[in-house]
C-alpha atoms as a PDB file:
ATOM      1  CA  MET A   1       2.508  52.078  30.808  1.00  0.00           C
ATOM      2  CA  LYS A   2       4.956  52.805  27.982  1.00  0.00           C
ATOM      3  CA  LYS A   3       6.729  49.520  28.779  1.00  0.00           C
ATOM      4  CA  LEU A   4       3.426  47.631  28.513  1.00  0.00           C
ATOM      5  CA  ILE A   5       2.661  49.230  25.137  1.00  0.00           C
ATOM      6  CA  ALA A   6       6.163  48.419  23.868  1.00  0.00           C
ATOM      7  CA  LEU A   7       5.852  44.809  24.986  1.00  0.00           C
ATOM      8  CA  SER A   8       2.469  44.553  23.317  1.00  0.00           C
ATOM      9  CA  VAL A   9       3.871  45.854  20.017  1.00  0.00           C
ATOM     10  CA  LEU A  10       6.831  43.438  20.263  1.00  0.00           C
ATOM     11  CA  ALA A  11       4.538  40.469  20.919  1.00  0.00           C
ATOM     12  CA  SER A  12       2.330  41.383  17.965  1.00  0.00           C
ATOM     13  CA  THR A  13       5.373  41.633  15.708  1.00  0.00           C
ATOM     14  CA  VAL A  14       6.602  38.196  16.765  1.00  0.00           C
ATOM     15  CA  LEU A  15       3.123  36.701  16.279  1.00  0.00           C
ATOM     16  CA  LEU A  16       2.787  38.177  12.802  1.00  0.00           C
ATOM     17  CA  SER A  17       6.255  36.976  11.866  1.00  0.00           C
ATOM     18  CA  SER A  18       5.474  33.448  12.994  1.00  0.00           C
ATOM     19  CA  CYS A  19       2.386  33.318  10.735  1.00  0.00           C
ATOM     20  CA  GLU A  20       4.287  34.116   7.551  1.00  0.00           C
ATOM     21  CA  THR A  21       4.607  31.100   5.230  1.00  0.00           C
ATOM     22  CA  GLY A  22       7.088  32.508   2.743  1.00  0.00           C
ATOM     23  CA  GLY A  23       4.720  31.615  -0.113  1.00  0.00           C
ATOM     24  CA  SER A  24       1.381  30.058  -0.986  1.00  0.00           C
ATOM     25  CA  GLU A  25      -0.006  27.297   1.190  1.00  0.00           C
ATOM     26  CA  PRO A  26       0.776  23.797  -0.146  1.00  0.00           C
ATOM     27  CA  ALA A  27      -2.142  21.949  -1.676  1.00  0.00           C
ATOM     28  CA  PRO A  28      -3.617  19.312   0.614  1.00  0.00           C
ATOM     29  CA  MET A  29      -2.396  15.778  -0.111  1.00  0.00           C
ATOM     30  CA  THR A  30      -4.772  13.619  -2.096  1.00  0.00           C
ATOM     31  CA  TYR A  31      -4.584   9.878  -2.500  1.00  0.00           C
ATOM     32  CA  PRO A  32      -4.599   8.626  -6.105  1.00  0.00           C
ATOM     33  CA  GLY A  33      -8.136   7.709  -6.991  1.00  0.00           C
ATOM     34  CA  ASP A  34      -9.740  10.084  -4.482  1.00  0.00           C
ATOM     35  CA  SER A  35     -11.824  11.486  -7.330  1.00  0.00           C
ATOM     36  CA  LEU A  36     -13.204   8.055  -8.254  1.00  0.00           C
ATOM     37  CA  SER A  37     -16.831   7.323  -7.485  1.00  0.00           C
ATOM     38  CA  VAL A  38     -17.505   3.578  -7.357  1.00  0.00           C
ATOM     39  CA  SER A  39     -20.588   2.554  -9.293  1.00  0.00           C
ATOM     40  CA  SER A  40     -23.053   0.123  -7.748  1.00  0.00           C
ATOM     41  CA  LEU A  41     -24.012  -1.206 -11.179  1.00  0.00           C
ATOM     42  CA  ALA A  42     -23.041  -4.570 -12.610  1.00  0.00           C
ATOM     43  CA  ARG A  43     -20.584  -4.581 -15.478  1.00  0.00           C
ATOM     44  CA  PRO A  44     -20.783  -7.990 -17.162  1.00  0.00           C
ATOM     45  CA  LEU A  45     -17.620  -9.788 -18.231  1.00  0.00           C
ATOM     46  CA  VAL A  46     -17.599 -10.859 -21.873  1.00  0.00           C
ATOM     47  CA  ILE A  47     -14.747 -13.240 -22.688  1.00  0.00           C
ATOM     48  CA  GLU A  48     -14.056 -14.202 -26.284  1.00  0.00           C
ATOM     49  CA  THR A  49     -11.784 -17.203 -26.781  1.00  0.00           C
ATOM     50  CA  THR A  50     -10.091 -16.643 -30.122  1.00  0.00           C
ATOM     51  CA  GLY A  51      -6.897 -17.035 -32.157  1.00  0.00           C
ATOM     52  CA  ALA A  52      -5.244 -15.472 -35.193  1.00  0.00           C
ATOM     53  CA  TRP A  53      -5.042 -18.978 -36.709  1.00  0.00           C
ATOM     54  CA  CYS A  54      -8.808 -19.537 -36.468  1.00  0.00           C
ATOM     55  CA  GLN A  55     -10.580 -19.184 -39.809  1.00  0.00           C
ATOM     56  CA  TYR A  56     -13.970 -18.389 -38.275  1.00  0.00           C
ATOM     57  CA  CYS A  57     -12.755 -16.047 -35.532  1.00  0.00           C
ATOM     58  CA  PRO A  58     -13.495 -12.876 -37.527  1.00  0.00           C
ATOM     59  CA  ASN A  59     -17.107 -13.667 -36.545  1.00  0.00           C
ATOM     60  CA  GLY A  60     -16.044 -13.333 -32.914  1.00  0.00           C
ATOM     61  CA  ALA A  61     -14.212 -10.068 -33.568  1.00  0.00           C
ATOM     62  CA  GLU A  62     -17.326  -8.692 -35.256  1.00  0.00           C
ATOM     63  CA  ILE A  63     -19.475  -9.663 -32.259  1.00  0.00           C
ATOM     64  CA  MET A  64     -16.990  -8.026 -29.871  1.00  0.00           C
ATOM     65  CA  ALA A  65     -17.139  -4.820 -31.920  1.00  0.00           C
ATOM     66  CA  MET A  66     -20.941  -4.887 -31.785  1.00  0.00           C
ATOM     67  CA  VAL A  67     -21.018  -5.410 -28.000  1.00  0.00           C
ATOM     68  CA  ASP A  68     -18.485  -2.586 -27.594  1.00  0.00           C
ATOM     69  CA  GLY A  69     -20.492  -0.299 -29.861  1.00  0.00           C
ATOM     70  CA  ILE A  70     -23.744  -0.952 -28.025  1.00  0.00           C
ATOM     71  CA  MET A  71     -22.562  -1.216 -24.400  1.00  0.00           C
ATOM     72  CA  GLY A  72     -19.143   0.461 -24.309  1.00  0.00           C
ATOM     73  CA  ASP A  73     -17.535   0.504 -20.875  1.00  0.00           C
ATOM     74  CA  SER A  74     -20.708  -0.883 -19.304  1.00  0.00           C
ATOM     75  CA  VAL A  75     -19.132  -4.273 -19.998  1.00  0.00           C
ATOM     76  CA  VAL A  76     -15.648  -5.695 -19.464  1.00  0.00           C
ATOM     77  CA  LEU A  77     -14.418  -7.130 -22.772  1.00  0.00           C
ATOM     78  CA  VAL A  78     -11.518  -9.597 -22.809  1.00  0.00           C
ATOM     79  CA  ALA A  79     -10.245 -11.441 -25.891  1.00  0.00           C
ATOM     80  CA  ASN A  80      -8.328 -14.495 -24.711  1.00  0.00           C
ATOM     81  CA  HIS A  81      -6.094 -15.745 -27.518  1.00  0.00           C
ATOM     82  CA  VAL A  82      -5.027 -19.372 -27.663  1.00  0.00           C
ATOM     83  CA  GLY A  83      -2.390 -20.848 -29.932  1.00  0.00           C
ATOM     84  CA  ASP A  84      -0.847 -17.598 -31.171  1.00  0.00           C
ATOM     85  CA  TRP A  85       1.751 -15.020 -30.089  1.00  0.00           C
ATOM     86  CA  PHE A  86      -0.549 -13.299 -27.577  1.00  0.00           C
ATOM     87  CA  ALA A  87      -0.778 -16.543 -25.584  1.00  0.00           C
ATOM     88  CA  ASN A  88       2.945 -17.406 -25.544  1.00  0.00           C
ATOM     89  CA  GLY A  89       4.191 -17.370 -21.957  1.00  0.00           C
ATOM     90  CA  ASN A  90       0.990 -15.638 -20.888  1.00  0.00           C
ATOM     91  CA  ALA A  91       0.027 -17.097 -17.512  1.00  0.00           C
ATOM     92  CA  ALA A  92      -3.184 -15.080 -17.435  1.00  0.00           C
ATOM     93  CA  SER A  93      -4.294 -16.494 -20.790  1.00  0.00           C
ATOM     94  CA  ALA A  94      -3.626 -20.056 -19.664  1.00  0.00           C
ATOM     95  CA  ALA A  95      -5.491 -19.518 -16.380  1.00  0.00           C
ATOM     96  CA  PHE A  96      -8.501 -17.987 -18.140  1.00  0.00           C
ATOM     97  CA  ASP A  97      -8.522 -20.872 -20.603  1.00  0.00           C
ATOM     98  CA  GLY A  98      -8.720 -23.321 -17.709  1.00  0.00           C
ATOM     99  CA  ASN A  99     -11.274 -21.336 -15.727  1.00  0.00           C
ATOM    100  CA  PHE A 100     -13.521 -20.687 -18.747  1.00  0.00           C
ATOM    101  CA  PRO A 101     -13.123 -23.890 -20.830  1.00  0.00           C
ATOM    102  CA  THR A 102     -14.422 -24.111 -24.394  1.00  0.00           C
ATOM    103  CA  SER A 103     -14.703 -26.866 -26.959  1.00  0.00           C
ATOM    104  CA  GLY A 104     -14.036 -24.589 -29.924  1.00  0.00           C
ATOM    105  CA  VAL A 105     -13.322 -21.050 -31.043  1.00  0.00           C
ATOM    106  CA  PRO A 106     -14.621 -18.433 -31.343  1.00  0.00           C
ATOM    107  CA  ASN A 107     -16.558 -18.912 -28.127  1.00  0.00           C
ATOM    108  CA  PHE A 108     -17.983 -16.567 -25.528  1.00  0.00           C
ATOM    109  CA  TYR A 109     -18.599 -16.499 -21.819  1.00  0.00           C
ATOM    110  CA  VAL A 110     -20.794 -13.897 -20.180  1.00  0.00           C
ATOM    111  CA  ASN A 111     -19.787 -13.719 -16.535  1.00  0.00           C
ATOM    112  CA  ASN A 112     -19.549 -17.411 -15.585  1.00  0.00           C
ATOM    113  CA  THR A 113     -21.761 -18.940 -18.265  1.00  0.00           C
ATOM    114  CA  ASP A 114     -20.706 -20.396 -21.619  1.00  0.00           C
ATOM    115  CA  VAL A 115     -23.012 -18.729 -24.163  1.00  0.00           C
ATOM    116  CA  GLY A 116     -21.437 -20.140 -27.317  1.00  0.00           C
ATOM    117  CA  GLN A 117     -21.462 -17.489 -30.019  1.00  0.00           C
ATOM    118  CA  SER A 118     -24.377 -15.412 -28.733  1.00  0.00           C
ATOM    119  CA  PRO A 119     -23.195 -13.086 -25.944  1.00  0.00           C
ATOM    120  CA  THR A 120     -25.138  -9.907 -26.704  1.00  0.00           C
ATOM    121  CA  ALA A 121     -28.517 -10.732 -25.135  1.00  0.00           C
ATOM    122  CA  ALA A 122     -26.887 -12.417 -22.141  1.00  0.00           C
ATOM    123  CA  ALA A 123     -24.631  -9.403 -21.552  1.00  0.00           C
ATOM    124  CA  GLY A 124     -27.601  -7.054 -21.761  1.00  0.00           C
ATOM    125  CA  ALA A 125     -29.544  -9.109 -19.228  1.00  0.00           C
ATOM    126  CA  ALA A 126     -26.533  -9.292 -16.888  1.00  0.00           C
ATOM    127  CA  LEU A 127     -26.465  -5.492 -16.656  1.00  0.00           C
ATOM    128  CA  MET A 128     -29.435  -5.844 -14.295  1.00  0.00           C
ATOM    129  CA  ASN A 129     -27.705  -8.234 -11.881  1.00  0.00           C
ATOM    130  CA  ASP A 130     -27.187  -7.370  -8.228  1.00  0.00           C
ATOM    131  CA  VAL A 131     -23.511  -7.398  -7.307  1.00  0.00           C
ATOM    132  CA  ALA A 132     -21.646  -7.704  -4.016  1.00  0.00           C
ATOM    133  CA  PHE A 133     -18.844  -5.275  -4.923  1.00  0.00           C
ATOM    134  CA  GLY A 134     -18.245  -2.329  -7.204  1.00  0.00           C
ATOM    135  CA  VAL A 135     -14.779  -1.452  -8.456  1.00  0.00           C
ATOM    136  CA  GLU A 136     -13.073   1.415 -10.280  1.00  0.00           C
ATOM    137  CA  ALA A 137      -9.385   2.080 -10.921  1.00  0.00           C
ATOM    138  CA  GLU A 138      -7.023   4.905 -11.742  1.00  0.00           C
ATOM    139  CA  VAL A 139      -3.990   3.982 -13.855  1.00  0.00           C
ATOM    140  CA  ALA A 140      -0.705   5.909 -14.079  1.00  0.00           C
ATOM    141  CA  ASP A 141       1.963   5.248 -16.709  1.00  0.00           C
ATOM    142  CA  SER A 142       5.331   5.363 -14.941  1.00  0.00           C
ATOM    143  CA  ALA A 143       8.852   4.221 -15.878  1.00  0.00           C
ATOM    144  CA  GLY A 144       8.080   0.991 -17.673  1.00  0.00           C
ATOM    145  CA  LYS A 145       5.153   0.139 -15.397  1.00  0.00           C
ATOM    146  CA  LEU A 146       1.452   0.749 -15.252  1.00  0.00           C
ATOM    147  CA  ILE A 147       0.524   1.630 -11.674  1.00  0.00           C
ATOM    148  CA  VAL A 148      -3.082   0.723 -10.854  1.00  0.00           C
ATOM    149  CA  TYR A 149      -4.886   2.267  -7.894  1.00  0.00           C
ATOM    150  CA  PRO A 150      -8.062   0.201  -7.394  1.00  0.00           C
ATOM    151  CA  ARG A 151     -10.998   1.379  -5.338  1.00  0.00           C
ATOM    152  CA  VAL A 152     -13.570  -1.170  -4.157  1.00  0.00           C
ATOM    153  CA  LYS A 153     -16.922  -0.633  -2.477  1.00  0.00           C
ATOM    154  CA  CYS A 154     -18.752  -3.406  -0.664  1.00  0.00           C
ATOM    155  CA  LEU A 155     -22.403  -3.314  -1.735  1.00  0.00           C
ATOM    156  CA  GLU A 156     -23.716  -6.304   0.214  1.00  0.00           C
ATOM    157  CA  THR A 157     -22.704  -7.658   3.615  1.00  0.00           C
ATOM    158  CA  LYS A 158     -20.710 -10.872   3.114  1.00  0.00           C
ATOM    159  CA  LEU A 159     -19.209 -13.246   5.666  1.00  0.00           C
ATOM    160  CA  ASN A 160     -16.476 -15.865   5.326  1.00  0.00           C
ATOM    161  CA  GLU A 161     -16.199 -15.819   1.552  1.00  0.00           C
ATOM    162  CA  VAL A 162     -12.987 -15.422  -0.414  1.00  0.00           C
ATOM    163  CA  TYR A 163     -12.816 -12.504  -2.827  1.00  0.00           C
ATOM    164  CA  MET A 164      -9.795 -11.626  -4.939  1.00  0.00           C
ATOM    165  CA  ILE A 165      -8.892  -8.482  -6.867  1.00  0.00           C
ATOM    166  CA  GLN A 166      -6.557  -8.306  -9.852  1.00  0.00           C
ATOM    167  CA  SER A 167      -5.740  -6.022 -12.791  1.00  0.00           C
ATOM    168  CA  TYR A 168      -5.077  -7.335 -16.296  1.00  0.00           C
ATOM    169  CA  LEU A 169      -3.265  -5.737 -19.225  1.00  0.00           C
ATOM    170  CA  LEU A 170      -5.169  -5.640 -22.514  1.00  0.00           C
ATOM    171  CA  LEU A 171      -3.644  -4.714 -25.883  1.00  0.00           C
ATOM    172  CA  ASN A 172      -5.751  -2.821 -28.410  1.00  0.00           C
ATOM    173  CA  GLY A 173      -5.313  -1.780 -32.028  1.00  0.00           C
ATOM    174  CA  VAL A 174      -2.641  -4.377 -32.879  1.00  0.00           C
ATOM    175  CA  VAL A 175      -2.550  -4.560 -36.684  1.00  0.00           C
ATOM    176  CA  ALA A 176      -3.012  -8.108 -37.966  1.00  0.00           C
ATOM    177  CA  LYS A 177       0.152  -8.660 -39.995  1.00  0.00           C
ATOM    178  CA  ASP A 178       3.464 -10.531 -39.961  1.00  0.00           C
ATOM    179  CA  TYR A 179       6.034  -8.843 -37.707  1.00  0.00           C
ATOM    180  CA  GLY A 180       8.840 -11.241 -38.563  1.00  0.00           C
ATOM    181  CA  GLY A 181      10.704 -13.555 -36.252  1.00  0.00           C
ATOM    182  CA  GLY A 182       7.851 -16.045 -36.312  1.00  0.00           C
ATOM    183  CA  ILE A 183       5.256 -13.515 -35.094  1.00  0.00           C
ATOM    184  CA  ASP A 184       2.573 -13.758 -37.758  1.00  0.00           C
ATOM    185  CA  LEU A 185      -0.641 -12.165 -36.531  1.00  0.00           C
ATOM    186  CA  ASN A 186      -2.401 -12.053 -39.895  1.00  0.00           C
ATOM    187  CA  GLN A 187      -5.975 -13.133 -39.210  1.00  0.00           C
ATOM    188  CA  VAL A 188      -6.695 -16.377 -41.014  1.00  0.00           C
ATOM    189  CA  SER A 189     -10.169 -16.231 -42.538  1.00  0.00           C
ATOM    190  CA  SER A 190     -12.396 -18.386 -44.706  1.00  0.00           C
ATOM    191  CA  LEU A 191     -15.124 -15.744 -44.522  1.00  0.00           C
ATOM    192  CA  PRO A 192     -15.769 -13.198 -47.309  1.00  0.00           C
ATOM    193  CA  LYS A 193     -15.907 -10.340 -44.792  1.00  0.00           C
ATOM    194  CA  VAL A 194     -12.153 -10.580 -44.045  1.00  0.00           C
ATOM    195  CA  THR A 195      -9.223 -10.977 -46.429  1.00  0.00           C
ATOM    196  CA  THR A 196      -6.215 -12.669 -44.853  1.00  0.00           C
ATOM    197  CA  GLY A 197      -3.066 -10.614 -45.237  1.00  0.00           C
ATOM    198  CA  SER A 198       0.239 -11.755 -46.606  1.00  0.00           C
ATOM    199  CA  GLY A 199       3.447 -10.924 -44.803  1.00  0.00           C
ATOM    200  CA  THR A 200       3.541  -7.267 -43.857  1.00  0.00           C
ATOM    201  CA  THR A 201       0.405  -6.590 -45.926  1.00  0.00           C
ATOM    202  CA  PRO A 202      -2.193  -6.700 -43.165  1.00  0.00           C
ATOM    203  CA  SER A 203      -5.491  -8.527 -43.025  1.00  0.00           C
ATOM    204  CA  MET A 204      -8.433  -6.343 -44.057  1.00  0.00           C
ATOM    205  CA  TRP A 205     -12.158  -6.118 -43.552  1.00  0.00           C
ATOM    206  CA  SER A 206     -13.506  -6.431 -47.092  1.00  0.00           C
ATOM    207  CA  GLN A 207     -17.157  -5.795 -46.170  1.00  0.00           C
ATOM    208  CA  ASP A 208     -18.996  -3.544 -43.746  1.00  0.00           C
ATOM    209  CA  ALA A 209     -19.421  -5.411 -40.458  1.00  0.00           C
ATOM    210  CA  ALA A 210     -20.766  -5.158 -36.902  1.00  0.00           C
ATOM    211  CA  GLU A 211     -24.117  -3.553 -37.703  1.00  0.00           C
ATOM    212  CA  ILE A 212     -25.468  -2.097 -34.444  1.00  0.00           C
ATOM    213  CA  THR A 213     -28.571  -0.479 -35.938  1.00  0.00           C
ATOM    214  CA  SER A 214     -30.011  -0.538 -39.417  1.00  0.00           C
ATOM    215  CA  GLY A 215     -27.356   0.761 -41.787  1.00  0.00           C
ATOM    216  CA  VAL A 216     -24.951   1.740 -38.983  1.00  0.00           C
ATOM    217  CA  PHE A 217     -21.782  -0.365 -38.950  1.00  0.00           C
ATOM    218  CA  MET A 218     -18.965  -0.265 -36.424  1.00  0.00           C
ATOM    219  CA  ILE A 219     -16.535  -1.569 -39.071  1.00  0.00           C
ATOM    220  CA  LYS A 220     -16.271  -0.237 -42.606  1.00  0.00           C
ATOM    221  CA  ALA A 221     -15.078  -2.147 -45.650  1.00  0.00           C
ATOM    222  CA  GLY A 222     -11.400  -1.460 -46.320  1.00  0.00           C
ATOM    223  CA  THR A 223     -10.557  -1.107 -42.623  1.00  0.00           C
ATOM    224  CA  VAL A 224      -7.377  -2.808 -41.423  1.00  0.00           C
ATOM    225  CA  TYR A 225      -8.126  -5.803 -39.193  1.00  0.00           C
ATOM    226  CA  THR A 226      -6.844  -5.266 -35.649  1.00  0.00           C
ATOM    227  CA  HIS A 227      -6.648  -7.431 -32.545  1.00  0.00           C
ATOM    228  CA  ASP A 228      -8.372  -5.677 -29.637  1.00  0.00           C
ATOM    229  CA  GLU A 229      -8.926  -6.320 -25.909  1.00  0.00           C
ATOM    230  CA  ALA A 230      -6.227  -8.998 -26.179  1.00  0.00           C
ATOM    231  CA  LEU A 231      -5.355 -10.375 -22.728  1.00  0.00           C
ATOM    232  CA  PHE A 232      -1.597 -10.005 -22.389  1.00  0.00           C
ATOM    233  CA  GLY A 233      -0.623 -10.042 -18.729  1.00  0.00           C
ATOM    234  CA  HIS A 234      -1.539  -9.278 -15.150  1.00  0.00           C
ATOM    235  CA  ALA A 235      -0.241  -7.275 -12.203  1.00  0.00           C
ATOM    236  CA  THR A 236       2.666  -9.145 -10.665  1.00  0.00           C
ATOM    237  CA  THR A 237       3.193  -6.979  -7.589  1.00  0.00           C
ATOM    238  CA  ALA A 238       0.928  -5.282  -5.090  1.00  0.00           C
ATOM    239  CA  VAL A 239       2.317  -2.545  -2.862  1.00  0.00           C
ATOM    240  CA  LYS A 240       0.379  -2.124   0.367  1.00  0.00           C
ATOM    241  CA  GLY A 241       0.708   1.289   1.940  1.00  0.00           C
ATOM    242  CA  TRP A 242       1.216   4.799   0.594  1.00  0.00           C
ATOM    243  CA  ILE A 243       4.688   6.267   0.793  1.00  0.00           C
ATOM    244  CA  ASN A 244       3.348   9.837   0.515  1.00  0.00           C
ATOM    245  CA  SER A 245       0.832   9.419   3.290  1.00  0.00           C
ATOM    246  CA  PRO A 246       0.718  12.120   5.984  1.00  0.00           C
ATOM    247  CA  ASP A 247      -0.211   9.323   8.394  1.00  0.00           C
ATOM    248  CA  ALA A 248       3.084   7.865   9.576  1.00  0.00           C
ATOM    249  CA  SER A 249       1.460   4.614  10.643  1.00  0.00           C
ATOM    250  CA  ILE A 250       0.835   3.615   7.021  1.00  0.00           C
ATOM    251  CA  ALA A 251       3.731   5.427   5.369  1.00  0.00           C
ATOM    252  CA  ASP A 252       5.866   2.321   4.977  1.00  0.00           C
ATOM    253  CA  THR A 253       5.076   0.120   1.996  1.00  0.00           C
ATOM    254  CA  THR A 254       5.193  -3.634   1.631  1.00  0.00           C
ATOM    255  CA  GLY A 255       5.501  -5.421  -1.710  1.00  0.00           C
ATOM    256  CA  VAL A 256       3.503  -8.610  -2.282  1.00  0.00           C
ATOM    257  CA  SER A 257       3.863 -10.950  -5.265  1.00  0.00           C
ATOM    258  CA  LEU A 258       0.606 -11.601  -7.115  1.00  0.00           C
ATOM    259  CA  GLY A 259      -0.614 -14.640  -8.996  1.00  0.00           C
ATOM    260  CA  VAL A 260      -3.066 -14.581 -11.879  1.00  0.00           C
ATOM    261  CA  TRP A 261      -6.114 -14.140  -9.634  1.00  0.00           C
ATOM    262  CA  GLY A 262      -4.530 -11.331  -7.626  1.00  0.00           C
ATOM    263  CA  MET A 263      -4.756 -10.328  -3.981  1.00  0.00           C
ATOM    264  CA  ASN A 264      -7.177 -11.517  -1.342  1.00  0.00           C
ATOM    265  CA  LEU A 265      -9.462  -8.580  -0.627  1.00  0.00           C
ATOM    266  CA  ALA A 266      -9.373  -9.580   3.052  1.00  0.00           C
ATOM    267  CA  ASP A 267      -5.773  -8.300   3.132  1.00  0.00           C
ATOM    268  CA  LEU A 268      -7.168  -4.771   2.794  1.00  0.00           C
ATOM    269  CA  ASN A 269     -10.040  -5.257   5.210  1.00  0.00           C
ATOM    270  CA  ALA A 270      -9.543  -4.664   8.925  1.00  0.00           C
ATOM    271  CA  LEU A 271     -12.277  -7.270   9.510  1.00  0.00           C
ATOM    272  CA  GLY A 272     -10.643  -9.892   7.304  1.00  0.00           C
ATOM    273  CA  SER A 273     -13.197 -11.929   5.353  1.00  0.00           C
ATOM    274  CA  SER A 274     -16.168 -10.182   6.979  1.00  0.00           C
ATOM    275  CA  TYR A 275     -17.428  -7.446   4.679  1.00  0.00           C
ATOM    276  CA  ALA A 276     -19.988  -4.816   5.638  1.00  0.00           C
ATOM    277  CA  ALA A 277     -22.106  -3.032   3.049  1.00  0.00           C
ATOM    278  CA  GLY A 278     -20.780   0.477   2.523  1.00  0.00           C
ATOM    279  CA  ASP A 279     -17.132  -0.281   3.302  1.00  0.00           C
ATOM    280  CA  ILE A 280     -14.624   1.126   0.810  1.00  0.00           C
ATOM    281  CA  PHE A 281     -11.109  -0.234   0.209  1.00  0.00           C
ATOM    282  CA  GLY A 282      -8.239   1.291  -1.721  1.00  0.00           C
ATOM    283  CA  THR A 283      -8.286   4.656  -0.004  1.00  0.00           C
ATOM    284  CA  ARG A 284      -5.567   6.430   2.008  1.00  0.00           C
ATOM    285  CA  TYR A 285      -6.757   4.361   4.984  1.00  0.00           C
ATOM    286  CA  SER A 286      -6.465   1.032   3.154  1.00  0.00           C
ATOM    287  CA  PRO A 287      -3.930   1.923   0.448  1.00  0.00           C
ATOM    288  CA  VAL A 288      -2.754  -0.468  -2.246  1.00  0.00           C
ATOM    289  CA  GLN A 289      -1.366  -0.229  -5.739  1.00  0.00           C
ATOM    290  CA  PHE A 290      -0.855  -2.907  -8.382  1.00  0.00           C
ATOM    291  CA  GLU A 291       2.110  -2.876 -10.746  1.00  0.00           C
ATOM    292  CA  ILE A 292       1.937  -4.215 -14.302  1.00  0.00           C
ATOM    293  CA  GLN A 293       5.176  -4.423 -16.250  1.00  0.00           C
ATOM    294  CA  LYS A 294       4.788  -2.807 -19.659  1.00  0.00           C
ATOM    295  CA  PRO A 295       5.717  -5.282 -22.402  1.00  0.00           C
ATOM    296  CA  THR A 296       8.516  -4.923 -24.910  1.00  0.00           C
ATOM    297  CA  LEU A 297       6.645  -5.189 -28.189  1.00  0.00           C
ATOM    298  CA  PRO A 298       8.157  -6.557 -31.416  1.00  0.00           C
ATOM    299  CA  VAL A 299       9.687  -4.053 -33.819  1.00  0.00           C
ATOM    300  CA  GLY A 300       6.938  -2.380 -35.817  1.00  0.00           C
ATOM    301  CA  MET A 301       4.102  -3.331 -33.467  1.00  0.00           C
ATOM    302  CA  GLU A 302       2.040  -0.602 -31.872  1.00  0.00           C
ATOM    303  CA  ALA A 303      -0.654  -1.066 -29.267  1.00  0.00           C
ATOM    304  CA  ASP A 304      -2.896   0.964 -27.011  1.00  0.00           C
ATOM    305  CA  TYR A 305      -3.227  -0.248 -23.441  1.00  0.00           C
ATOM    306  CA  SER A 306      -6.250  -0.701 -21.259  1.00  0.00           C
ATOM    307  CA  VAL A 307      -6.512  -2.309 -17.844  1.00  0.00           C
ATOM    308  CA  ALA A 308      -9.362  -4.529 -16.672  1.00  0.00           C
ATOM    309  CA  THR A 309      -9.649  -4.570 -12.869  1.00  0.00           C
ATOM    310  CA  ILE A 310     -11.754  -7.498 -11.688  1.00  0.00           C
ATOM    311  CA  ILE A 311     -13.225  -8.848  -8.457  1.00  0.00           C
ATOM    312  CA  TRP A 312     -13.329 -12.667  -8.326  1.00  0.00           C
ATOM    313  CA  GLN A 313     -14.965 -15.027  -5.857  1.00  0.00           C
ATOM    314  CA  LEU A 314     -13.392 -18.376  -5.061  1.00  0.00           C
ATOM    315  CA  ARG A 315     -15.948 -21.108  -5.609  1.00  0.00           C
ATOM    316  CA  GLN A 316     -16.846 -22.956  -2.437  1.00  0.00           C
ATOM    317  CA  ASP A 317     -16.978 -26.359  -4.146  1.00  0.00           C
ATOM    318  CA  GLY A 318     -13.274 -27.034  -3.633  1.00  0.00           C
ATOM    319  CA  SER A 319     -12.525 -26.876  -7.376  1.00  0.00           C
ATOM    320  CA  GLY A 320     -10.149 -23.936  -7.051  1.00  0.00           C
ATOM    321  CA  ALA A 321     -12.063 -22.156  -9.824  1.00  0.00           C
ATOM    322  CA  TYR A 322     -13.147 -18.518  -9.685  1.00  0.00           C
ATOM    323  CA  ASP A 323     -16.407 -16.789 -10.494  1.00  0.00           C
ATOM    324  CA  TYR A 324     -16.555 -13.275 -11.862  1.00  0.00           C
ATOM    325  CA  VAL A 325     -18.200 -10.756  -9.531  1.00  0.00           C
ATOM    326  CA  ASN A 326     -17.697  -7.327 -11.087  1.00  0.00           C
ATOM    327  CA  GLY A 327     -15.070  -5.226 -12.839  1.00  0.00           C
ATOM    328  CA  SER A 328     -14.186  -2.095 -14.764  1.00  0.00           C
ATOM    329  CA  VAL A 329     -11.924  -1.063 -17.631  1.00  0.00           C
ATOM    330  CA  THR A 330      -9.537   1.887 -17.509  1.00  0.00           C
ATOM    331  CA  HIS A 331      -8.080   3.218 -20.765  1.00  0.00           C
ATOM    332  CA  VAL A 332      -4.461   4.348 -20.588  1.00  0.00           C
ATOM    333  CA  ASP A 333      -3.707   7.650 -22.349  1.00  0.00           C
END
């Protein structure tokens, strides 16, 4: 009997010893973006075609400020510059210019429709559209890159249609002045509301502008003119897989080069181009990250970054053009 008691005590000691962790339990692994909840609402795309050389483009900047003030992140704002420094070597700018052609600047598209210089009402109406996909994104700033973790939810069942996903770099708060070396971003203006700068003396708003309600202006007289939501690049690499995954079957990662319109969403879908309402992509079970190289800005230029993540649909007319489906904007701290 004493031997049985001794053995019982010994077994209990071994069991207790084997349960000791030597410290607190590690936190469970979470995939980047796990906290994101994908909205089912439409976020209209508002594209302004503009240029620092354009004497009437302050009108476009004022309209963009009004849309931003009224709708905020309920819309995806993109200023596509043509003919100035923002457009130089910018493949995304050239592709947008071809996909959303205009006969003059400033000019606006809302989603896939040319609305001239009157985007506000069209953008408001487009908020009520039904959409096939919702998308959100988390963005991490890491070692010269912006790492984008998109999360997409299928909202309508779709079969045999081509959808693409891509993230675009936008520059905000770029002061309109001459940075030297041929980079003159002073905003040319023939309008009394904006005074064109000279050299390093920046362009200025000389009158209150962007009135969103009676007597409430988004822009005050004496404010420095800045270029905002300026399209400046796109993700050039997608990494499929998650290196930190506890699931060994998806631990290895594969890099894929991306063009301007991004990655085929079917590459993340186990059913290829057949999409079922309720499916979610960009999770630990269908992991992907996009990499955007951070630009080297000219000396003296400062900019805040935001990232527009967009779902496109390839038109079925054989034109090779793309229609906007839905998107979101993530501000980088």
